[in-house]
């Protein structure tokens, strides 16, 4: 596919998607969102070929500084609904991908950028990263899932703090609050994210898929129903060749050779 706002690279089972609008702080205009949808729709079709994805922003200043403000300015009641529907659809596509997606947050992750990071399965931040949901300062609210994903990640009180004040927090605060999984020096960010992707790609694929599915589906259900989802997926794993290989390798004190079957 032809990409104007993204960079896409694949090295073996690892894919790297880079939002490439550094002069605009990698803000998400409609064209960029459409390209994100195209790339992740393609990745959705290749779960055996691509086993882990790193998502980052170009340059040193910004992961994604938010949505494109001039485009938001033109919205009205009807077009605003379509704007939100598009973003929610694309971010749900990323969240529901059965391939782990790691956000390598290299700078500002604000508004739609913070929401994009939250749609990823894991988040690693540079020490210079900043996070926030400043939409209230524009007279709107988060529209790409921030009002729902943020409280689930960091708790209602802290989420309301960020959304009602519109303030930014540092990477260190984001780690303390549980918004990110790790914070590293800027020079180490990509290498750290890529190493994690390599480690995840080496795990048994069917068990990885089952974990992602159990967590995503279970988060939408009551506890009893969610536990039933886990029970069924555990049972599924027990019927795979990978489970037999993993348990045999453990008992024989050797490295397992998973086949994805």
C-alpha atoms as a PDB file:
ATOM      1  CA  UNK A   1       0.000   0.000   0.000  1.00  0.00           C
ATOM      2  CA  UNK A   2       1.058   3.615  -0.591  1.00  0.00           C
ATOM      3  CA  UNK A   3       1.570   5.562   2.647  1.00  0.00           C
ATOM      4  CA  UNK A   4       2.135   9.297   2.892  1.00  0.00           C
ATOM      5  CA  UNK A   5       1.778   9.854   6.639  1.00  0.00           C
ATOM      6  CA  UNK A   6       3.059   6.572   8.038  1.00  0.00           C
ATOM      7  CA  UNK A   7       6.188   4.499   7.717  1.00  0.00           C
ATOM      8  CA  UNK A   8       5.878   0.714   7.756  1.00  0.00           C
ATOM      9  CA  UNK A   9       8.753  -1.708   8.172  1.00  0.00           C
ATOM     10  CA  UNK A  10       8.790  -5.444   8.729  1.00  0.00           C
ATOM     11  CA  UNK A  11      11.770  -7.415   9.954  1.00  0.00           C
ATOM     12  CA  UNK A  12      10.842 -11.064  10.224  1.00  0.00           C
ATOM     13  CA  UNK A  13       7.881 -11.367  12.585  1.00  0.00           C
ATOM     14  CA  UNK A  14       8.252  -7.777  13.882  1.00  0.00           C
ATOM     15  CA  UNK A  15       6.416  -4.852  12.288  1.00  0.00           C
ATOM     16  CA  UNK A  16       7.171  -1.211  13.070  1.00  0.00           C
ATOM     17  CA  UNK A  17       4.550   1.450  12.328  1.00  0.00           C
ATOM     18  CA  UNK A  18       5.739   5.064  12.601  1.00  0.00           C
ATOM     19  CA  UNK A  19       3.440   8.071  12.417  1.00  0.00           C
ATOM     20  CA  UNK A  20       5.506  10.318  10.188  1.00  0.00           C
ATOM     21  CA  UNK A  21       4.309  13.927  10.510  1.00  0.00           C
ATOM     22  CA  UNK A  22       7.025  15.372  12.763  1.00  0.00           C
ATOM     23  CA  UNK A  23       6.478  18.964  11.603  1.00  0.00           C
ATOM     24  CA  UNK A  24       2.888  18.667  12.837  1.00  0.00           C
ATOM     25  CA  UNK A  25       4.026  16.818  15.990  1.00  0.00           C
ATOM     26  CA  UNK A  26       2.513  13.689  14.405  1.00  0.00           C
ATOM     27  CA  UNK A  27      -1.011  14.997  14.860  1.00  0.00           C
ATOM     28  CA  UNK A  28      -3.747  12.747  13.520  1.00  0.00           C
ATOM     29  CA  UNK A  29      -5.516  14.240  10.536  1.00  0.00           C
ATOM     30  CA  UNK A  30      -8.120  12.265   8.624  1.00  0.00           C
ATOM     31  CA  UNK A  31      -5.602  11.032   6.061  1.00  0.00           C
ATOM     32  CA  UNK A  32      -3.334   9.665   8.790  1.00  0.00           C
ATOM     33  CA  UNK A  33      -6.247   7.955  10.522  1.00  0.00           C
ATOM     34  CA  UNK A  34      -7.267   6.311   7.238  1.00  0.00           C
ATOM     35  CA  UNK A  35      -3.728   5.024   6.769  1.00  0.00           C
ATOM     36  CA  UNK A  36      -3.676   3.656  10.318  1.00  0.00           C
ATOM     37  CA  UNK A  37      -6.871   1.771   9.556  1.00  0.00           C
ATOM     38  CA  UNK A  38      -5.424   0.355   6.342  1.00  0.00           C
ATOM     39  CA  UNK A  39      -2.181  -0.783   7.993  1.00  0.00           C
ATOM     40  CA  UNK A  40      -3.816  -2.427  10.991  1.00  0.00           C
ATOM     41  CA  UNK A  41      -6.523  -4.029   8.849  1.00  0.00           C
ATOM     42  CA  UNK A  42      -3.714  -5.620   6.846  1.00  0.00           C
ATOM     43  CA  UNK A  43      -1.928  -6.751  10.025  1.00  0.00           C
ATOM     44  CA  UNK A  44      -5.180  -8.290  11.246  1.00  0.00           C
ATOM     45  CA  UNK A  45      -5.063 -10.620   8.236  1.00  0.00           C
ATOM     46  CA  UNK A  46      -1.475 -11.775   8.907  1.00  0.00           C
ATOM     47  CA  UNK A  47      -1.366 -13.061  12.516  1.00  0.00           C
ATOM     48  CA  UNK A  48       1.033 -15.896  11.688  1.00  0.00           C
ATOM     49  CA  UNK A  49       3.424 -13.746   9.674  1.00  0.00           C
ATOM     50  CA  UNK A  50       3.532 -10.693  11.988  1.00  0.00           C
ATOM     51  CA  UNK A  51       3.829 -11.700  15.638  1.00  0.00           C
ATOM     52  CA  UNK A  52       4.375  -8.316  17.337  1.00  0.00           C
ATOM     53  CA  UNK A  53       4.011  -4.647  16.385  1.00  0.00           C
ATOM     54  CA  UNK A  54       5.802  -1.510  17.608  1.00  0.00           C
ATOM     55  CA  UNK A  55       3.875   1.743  17.108  1.00  0.00           C
ATOM     56  CA  UNK A  56       5.765   5.022  17.512  1.00  0.00           C
ATOM     57  CA  UNK A  57       6.051   8.592  16.260  1.00  0.00           C
ATOM     58  CA  UNK A  58       8.721  10.189  14.083  1.00  0.00           C
ATOM     59  CA  UNK A  59      11.175  12.644  15.615  1.00  0.00           C
ATOM     60  CA  UNK A  60      12.088  13.288  19.229  1.00  0.00           C
ATOM     61  CA  UNK A  61       9.315  15.649  20.328  1.00  0.00           C
ATOM     62  CA  UNK A  62       6.071  13.800  19.864  1.00  0.00           C
ATOM     63  CA  UNK A  63       4.450  10.387  19.759  1.00  0.00           C
ATOM     64  CA  UNK A  64       1.142  11.943  18.734  1.00  0.00           C
ATOM     65  CA  UNK A  65       0.245  15.434  19.929  1.00  0.00           C
ATOM     66  CA  UNK A  66      -3.464  14.892  19.320  1.00  0.00           C
ATOM     67  CA  UNK A  67      -5.996  15.249  16.559  1.00  0.00           C
ATOM     68  CA  UNK A  68      -5.715  17.891  13.858  1.00  0.00           C
ATOM     69  CA  UNK A  69      -7.189  21.050  15.440  1.00  0.00           C
ATOM     70  CA  UNK A  70      -8.221  22.788  12.171  1.00  0.00           C
ATOM     71  CA  UNK A  71     -10.226  19.681  11.250  1.00  0.00           C
ATOM     72  CA  UNK A  72     -11.906  19.643  14.672  1.00  0.00           C
ATOM     73  CA  UNK A  73     -12.776  23.347  14.299  1.00  0.00           C
ATOM     74  CA  UNK A  74     -14.907  22.535  11.244  1.00  0.00           C
ATOM     75  CA  UNK A  75     -16.998  19.867  12.992  1.00  0.00           C
ATOM     76  CA  UNK A  76     -20.664  20.238  13.837  1.00  0.00           C
ATOM     77  CA  UNK A  77     -23.241  18.008  15.525  1.00  0.00           C
ATOM     78  CA  UNK A  78     -23.490  15.583  12.601  1.00  0.00           C
ATOM     79  CA  UNK A  79     -19.874  15.537  11.393  1.00  0.00           C
ATOM     80  CA  UNK A  80     -18.632  15.324  14.985  1.00  0.00           C
ATOM     81  CA  UNK A  81     -20.414  12.004  15.380  1.00  0.00           C
ATOM     82  CA  UNK A  82     -18.767  10.643  12.257  1.00  0.00           C
ATOM     83  CA  UNK A  83     -15.386  11.939  13.426  1.00  0.00           C
ATOM     84  CA  UNK A  84     -15.703  10.083  16.730  1.00  0.00           C
ATOM     85  CA  UNK A  85     -17.074   6.931  15.105  1.00  0.00           C
ATOM     86  CA  UNK A  86     -14.061   6.725  12.784  1.00  0.00           C
ATOM     87  CA  UNK A  87     -11.564   7.128  15.606  1.00  0.00           C
ATOM     88  CA  UNK A  88     -13.314   4.633  17.858  1.00  0.00           C
ATOM     89  CA  UNK A  89     -13.462   2.089  15.046  1.00  0.00           C
ATOM     90  CA  UNK A  90      -9.762   2.406  14.247  1.00  0.00           C
ATOM     91  CA  UNK A  91      -8.626   2.318  17.875  1.00  0.00           C
ATOM     92  CA  UNK A  92     -10.848  -0.693  18.565  1.00  0.00           C
ATOM     93  CA  UNK A  93      -9.222  -2.416  15.581  1.00  0.00           C
ATOM     94  CA  UNK A  94      -5.822  -1.936  17.249  1.00  0.00           C
ATOM     95  CA  UNK A  95      -7.078  -2.967  20.683  1.00  0.00           C
ATOM     96  CA  UNK A  96      -8.747  -6.119  19.330  1.00  0.00           C
ATOM     97  CA  UNK A  97      -5.762  -7.165  17.222  1.00  0.00           C
ATOM     98  CA  UNK A  98      -4.671 -10.650  18.246  1.00  0.00           C
ATOM     99  CA  UNK A  99      -1.057  -9.619  17.787  1.00  0.00           C
ATOM    100  CA  UNK A 100       0.580  -7.666  20.654  1.00  0.00           C
ATOM    101  CA  UNK A 101       0.965  -3.962  19.877  1.00  0.00           C
ATOM    102  CA  UNK A 102       3.575  -1.993  21.849  1.00  0.00           C
ATOM    103  CA  UNK A 103       3.368   1.801  21.950  1.00  0.00           C
ATOM    104  CA  UNK A 104       6.859   3.333  22.073  1.00  0.00           C
ATOM    105  CA  UNK A 105       5.942   6.793  23.365  1.00  0.00           C
ATOM    106  CA  UNK A 106       8.776   9.107  22.394  1.00  0.00           C
ATOM    107  CA  UNK A 107       7.320  12.496  23.390  1.00  0.00           C
ATOM    108  CA  UNK A 108       3.933  14.173  23.638  1.00  0.00           C
ATOM    109  CA  UNK A 109       1.009  11.739  23.876  1.00  0.00           C
ATOM    110  CA  UNK A 110      -1.894  14.143  24.168  1.00  0.00           C
ATOM    111  CA  UNK A 111      -5.579  13.844  23.378  1.00  0.00           C
ATOM    112  CA  UNK A 112      -5.936  11.364  20.539  1.00  0.00           C
ATOM    113  CA  UNK A 113      -2.274  10.451  21.046  1.00  0.00           C
ATOM    114  CA  UNK A 114      -2.825   9.381  24.634  1.00  0.00           C
ATOM    115  CA  UNK A 115      -5.914   7.507  23.487  1.00  0.00           C
ATOM    116  CA  UNK A 116      -3.895   5.794  20.759  1.00  0.00           C
ATOM    117  CA  UNK A 117      -1.292   4.651  23.276  1.00  0.00           C
ATOM    118  CA  UNK A 118      -4.062   3.302  25.517  1.00  0.00           C
ATOM    119  CA  UNK A 119      -5.507   1.294  22.621  1.00  0.00           C
ATOM    120  CA  UNK A 120      -2.175  -0.548  22.381  1.00  0.00           C
ATOM    121  CA  UNK A 121      -1.612  -3.599  24.566  1.00  0.00           C
ATOM    122  CA  UNK A 122       1.613  -2.387  26.206  1.00  0.00           C
ATOM    123  CA  UNK A 123       3.209   1.056  26.579  1.00  0.00           C
ATOM    124  CA  UNK A 124       6.874   1.972  26.992  1.00  0.00           C
ATOM    125  CA  UNK A 125       7.684   5.649  27.455  1.00  0.00           C
ATOM    126  CA  UNK A 126      10.743   7.791  27.042  1.00  0.00           C
ATOM    127  CA  UNK A 127      11.704   9.767  30.143  1.00  0.00           C
ATOM    128  CA  UNK A 128      10.802  12.885  28.153  1.00  0.00           C
ATOM    129  CA  UNK A 129       7.267  11.727  27.304  1.00  0.00           C
ATOM    130  CA  UNK A 130       4.229  13.707  28.471  1.00  0.00           C
ATOM    131  CA  UNK A 131       0.674  12.424  28.699  1.00  0.00           C
ATOM    132  CA  UNK A 132      -2.645  14.225  28.886  1.00  0.00           C
ATOM    133  CA  UNK A 133      -6.251  14.567  27.767  1.00  0.00           C
ATOM    134  CA  UNK A 134      -6.518  18.344  27.206  1.00  0.00           C
ATOM    135  CA  UNK A 135      -9.718  18.256  25.125  1.00  0.00           C
ATOM    136  CA  UNK A 136     -11.622  20.249  27.738  1.00  0.00           C
ATOM    137  CA  UNK A 137      -9.491  23.276  26.833  1.00  0.00           C
ATOM    138  CA  UNK A 138     -10.997  23.102  23.327  1.00  0.00           C
ATOM    139  CA  UNK A 139     -14.558  22.828  24.613  1.00  0.00           C
ATOM    140  CA  UNK A 140     -14.907  19.118  23.851  1.00  0.00           C
ATOM    141  CA  UNK A 141     -14.261  15.787  25.550  1.00  0.00           C
ATOM    142  CA  UNK A 142     -12.030  12.860  24.546  1.00  0.00           C
ATOM    143  CA  UNK A 143     -13.681  11.219  21.556  1.00  0.00           C
ATOM    144  CA  UNK A 144     -11.447   8.271  20.741  1.00  0.00           C
ATOM    145  CA  UNK A 145     -12.100   6.218  23.884  1.00  0.00           C
ATOM    146  CA  UNK A 146     -10.320   8.300  26.528  1.00  0.00           C
ATOM    147  CA  UNK A 147     -13.296   8.625  28.869  1.00  0.00           C
ATOM    148  CA  UNK A 148     -13.549   4.822  29.001  1.00  0.00           C
ATOM    149  CA  UNK A 149     -10.022   3.423  28.668  1.00  0.00           C
ATOM    150  CA  UNK A 150      -8.312   5.944  30.962  1.00  0.00           C
ATOM    151  CA  UNK A 151     -10.425   5.155  34.087  1.00  0.00           C
ATOM    152  CA  UNK A 152      -9.945   1.438  33.447  1.00  0.00           C
ATOM    153  CA  UNK A 153      -6.165   1.891  33.383  1.00  0.00           C
ATOM    154  CA  UNK A 154      -5.511   4.409  36.157  1.00  0.00           C
ATOM    155  CA  UNK A 155      -8.745   4.624  38.160  1.00  0.00           C
ATOM    156  CA  UNK A 156     -11.673   7.012  38.063  1.00  0.00           C
ATOM    157  CA  UNK A 157     -10.247   9.743  40.282  1.00  0.00           C
ATOM    158  CA  UNK A 158      -6.973  10.128  38.427  1.00  0.00           C
ATOM    159  CA  UNK A 159      -8.697   9.908  35.052  1.00  0.00           C
ATOM    160  CA  UNK A 160     -11.117  12.670  36.012  1.00  0.00           C
ATOM    161  CA  UNK A 161      -8.174  14.739  37.240  1.00  0.00           C
ATOM    162  CA  UNK A 162      -6.540  14.598  33.803  1.00  0.00           C
ATOM    163  CA  UNK A 163      -9.731  15.107  31.819  1.00  0.00           C
ATOM    164  CA  UNK A 164     -11.259  17.894  33.912  1.00  0.00           C
ATOM    165  CA  UNK A 165      -8.069  19.910  34.340  1.00  0.00           C
ATOM    166  CA  UNK A 166      -6.576  19.175  30.920  1.00  0.00           C
ATOM    167  CA  UNK A 167      -3.126  19.051  32.507  1.00  0.00           C
ATOM    168  CA  UNK A 168      -0.167  16.955  31.404  1.00  0.00           C
ATOM    169  CA  UNK A 169       1.727  14.425  33.494  1.00  0.00           C
ATOM    170  CA  UNK A 170       5.294  13.224  33.147  1.00  0.00           C
ATOM    171  CA  UNK A 171       6.404   9.753  32.152  1.00  0.00           C
ATOM    172  CA  UNK A 172       7.386   9.094  35.778  1.00  0.00           C
ATOM    173  CA  UNK A 173       3.859   9.965  36.939  1.00  0.00           C
ATOM    174  CA  UNK A 174       2.371   7.863  34.157  1.00  0.00           C
ATOM    175  CA  UNK A 175       4.409   4.888  35.369  1.00  0.00           C
ATOM    176  CA  UNK A 176       3.374   5.460  38.974  1.00  0.00           C
ATOM    177  CA  UNK A 177      -0.271   5.646  37.940  1.00  0.00           C
ATOM    178  CA  UNK A 178      -0.134   2.517  35.772  1.00  0.00           C
ATOM    179  CA  UNK A 179      -0.628   4.305  32.464  1.00  0.00           C
ATOM    180  CA  UNK A 180       2.658   2.915  31.080  1.00  0.00           C
ATOM    181  CA  UNK A 181       4.521  -0.329  31.706  1.00  0.00           C
ATOM    182  CA  UNK A 182       8.058   1.061  31.706  1.00  0.00           C
ATOM    183  CA  UNK A 183      10.051   4.293  31.363  1.00  0.00           C
ATOM    184  CA  UNK A 184      13.502   4.345  29.757  1.00  0.00           C
ATOM    185  CA  UNK A 185      16.041   6.960  28.610  1.00  0.00           C
ATOM    186  CA  UNK A 186      15.149   8.448  25.208  1.00  0.00           C
ATOM    187  CA  UNK A 187      18.141   6.813  23.529  1.00  0.00           C
ATOM    188  CA  UNK A 188      16.992   3.374  24.709  1.00  0.00           C
ATOM    189  CA  UNK A 189      13.306   3.644  23.829  1.00  0.00           C
ATOM    190  CA  UNK A 190      13.159   1.987  20.432  1.00  0.00           C
ATOM    191  CA  UNK A 191      15.663  -0.739  21.292  1.00  0.00           C
ATOM    192  CA  UNK A 192      13.699  -1.558  24.452  1.00  0.00           C
ATOM    193  CA  UNK A 193      10.396  -1.688  22.579  1.00  0.00           C
ATOM    194  CA  UNK A 194      11.865  -3.805  19.810  1.00  0.00           C
ATOM    195  CA  UNK A 195      13.450  -6.255  22.258  1.00  0.00           C
ATOM    196  CA  UNK A 196      10.079  -6.652  23.951  1.00  0.00           C
ATOM    197  CA  UNK A 197       8.489  -7.256  20.544  1.00  0.00           C
ATOM    198  CA  UNK A 198      11.081  -9.941  19.759  1.00  0.00           C
ATOM    199  CA  UNK A 199      10.436 -11.612  23.123  1.00  0.00           C
ATOM    200  CA  UNK A 200       6.664 -11.565  22.560  1.00  0.00           C
ATOM    201  CA  UNK A 201       7.016 -12.883  19.015  1.00  0.00           C
ATOM    202  CA  UNK A 202       8.873 -15.922  20.373  1.00  0.00           C
ATOM    203  CA  UNK A 203       6.008 -16.899  22.672  1.00  0.00           C
ATOM    204  CA  UNK A 204       3.516 -19.565  21.556  1.00  0.00           C
ATOM    205  CA  UNK A 205       1.122 -17.803  19.186  1.00  0.00           C
ATOM    206  CA  UNK A 206      -2.085 -19.576  20.187  1.00  0.00           C
ATOM    207  CA  UNK A 207      -1.565 -18.858  23.888  1.00  0.00           C
ATOM    208  CA  UNK A 208      -0.785 -15.210  23.068  1.00  0.00           C
ATOM    209  CA  UNK A 209      -4.008 -14.939  21.079  1.00  0.00           C
ATOM    210  CA  UNK A 210      -5.951 -16.577  23.903  1.00  0.00           C
ATOM    211  CA  UNK A 211      -4.596 -14.144  26.505  1.00  0.00           C
ATOM    212  CA  UNK A 212      -5.428 -11.108  24.374  1.00  0.00           C
ATOM    213  CA  UNK A 213      -8.899 -12.450  23.662  1.00  0.00           C
ATOM    214  CA  UNK A 214      -9.605 -13.367  27.296  1.00  0.00           C
ATOM    215  CA  UNK A 215      -8.606  -9.925  28.552  1.00  0.00           C
ATOM    216  CA  UNK A 216     -10.402  -7.977  25.808  1.00  0.00           C
ATOM    217  CA  UNK A 217     -13.633 -10.007  25.899  1.00  0.00           C
ATOM    218  CA  UNK A 218     -13.600 -10.381  29.656  1.00  0.00           C
ATOM    219  CA  UNK A 219     -13.284  -6.644  30.229  1.00  0.00           C
ATOM    220  CA  UNK A 220     -16.719  -6.210  28.655  1.00  0.00           C
ATOM    221  CA  UNK A 221     -18.442  -8.811  30.868  1.00  0.00           C
ATOM    222  CA  UNK A 222     -19.376  -9.443  34.464  1.00  0.00           C
ATOM    223  CA  UNK A 223     -16.951 -11.547  36.498  1.00  0.00           C
ATOM    224  CA  UNK A 224     -18.839 -14.846  36.193  1.00  0.00           C
ATOM    225  CA  UNK A 225     -19.155 -14.554  32.420  1.00  0.00           C
ATOM    226  CA  UNK A 226     -15.542 -13.419  32.091  1.00  0.00           C
ATOM    227  CA  UNK A 227     -14.323 -16.406  34.068  1.00  0.00           C
ATOM    228  CA  UNK A 228     -16.275 -18.643  31.704  1.00  0.00           C
ATOM    229  CA  UNK A 229     -14.428 -17.064  28.784  1.00  0.00           C
ATOM    230  CA  UNK A 230     -11.140 -17.844  30.523  1.00  0.00           C
ATOM    231  CA  UNK A 231     -12.220 -21.433  31.205  1.00  0.00           C
ATOM    232  CA  UNK A 232     -13.060 -22.017  27.550  1.00  0.00           C
ATOM    233  CA  UNK A 233      -9.837 -20.489  26.280  1.00  0.00           C
ATOM    234  CA  UNK A 234      -7.746 -22.447  28.798  1.00  0.00           C
ATOM    235  CA  UNK A 235      -9.476 -25.601  27.574  1.00  0.00           C
ATOM    236  CA  UNK A 236      -8.702 -24.634  23.980  1.00  0.00           C
ATOM    237  CA  UNK A 237      -4.995 -24.236  24.816  1.00  0.00           C
ATOM    238  CA  UNK A 238      -4.942 -27.653  26.465  1.00  0.00           C
ATOM    239  CA  UNK A 239      -5.894 -29.193  23.128  1.00  0.00           C
ATOM    240  CA  UNK A 240      -2.974 -27.659  21.226  1.00  0.00           C
ATOM    241  CA  UNK A 241       0.329 -29.199  20.203  1.00  0.00           C
ATOM    242  CA  UNK A 242       2.063 -26.148  21.658  1.00  0.00           C
ATOM    243  CA  UNK A 243       0.809 -27.005  25.151  1.00  0.00           C
ATOM    244  CA  UNK A 244       2.200 -30.537  24.847  1.00  0.00           C
ATOM    245  CA  UNK A 245       5.501 -29.156  23.561  1.00  0.00           C
ATOM    246  CA  UNK A 246       5.741 -26.516  26.287  1.00  0.00           C
ATOM    247  CA  UNK A 247       5.023 -28.912  29.132  1.00  0.00           C
ATOM    248  CA  UNK A 248       7.305 -31.585  27.669  1.00  0.00           C
ATOM    249  CA  UNK A 249      10.164 -29.095  27.236  1.00  0.00           C
ATOM    250  CA  UNK A 250       9.736 -27.932  30.833  1.00  0.00           C
ATOM    251  CA  UNK A 251       9.969 -31.479  32.160  1.00  0.00           C
ATOM    252  CA  UNK A 252      12.899 -32.308  29.884  1.00  0.00           C
ATOM    253  CA  UNK A 253      14.696 -29.031  30.779  1.00  0.00           C
ATOM    254  CA  UNK A 254      15.072 -27.893  27.185  1.00  0.00           C
ATOM    255  CA  UNK A 255      13.929 -24.919  25.117  1.00  0.00           C
ATOM    256  CA  UNK A 256      10.476 -25.456  23.598  1.00  0.00           C
ATOM    257  CA  UNK A 257       9.920 -25.316  19.834  1.00  0.00           C
ATOM    258  CA  UNK A 258       6.435 -23.938  19.357  1.00  0.00           C
ATOM    259  CA  UNK A 259       4.705 -24.485  16.013  1.00  0.00           C
ATOM    260  CA  UNK A 260       1.486 -22.502  16.428  1.00  0.00           C
ATOM    261  CA  UNK A 261      -0.635 -25.629  16.348  1.00  0.00           C
END
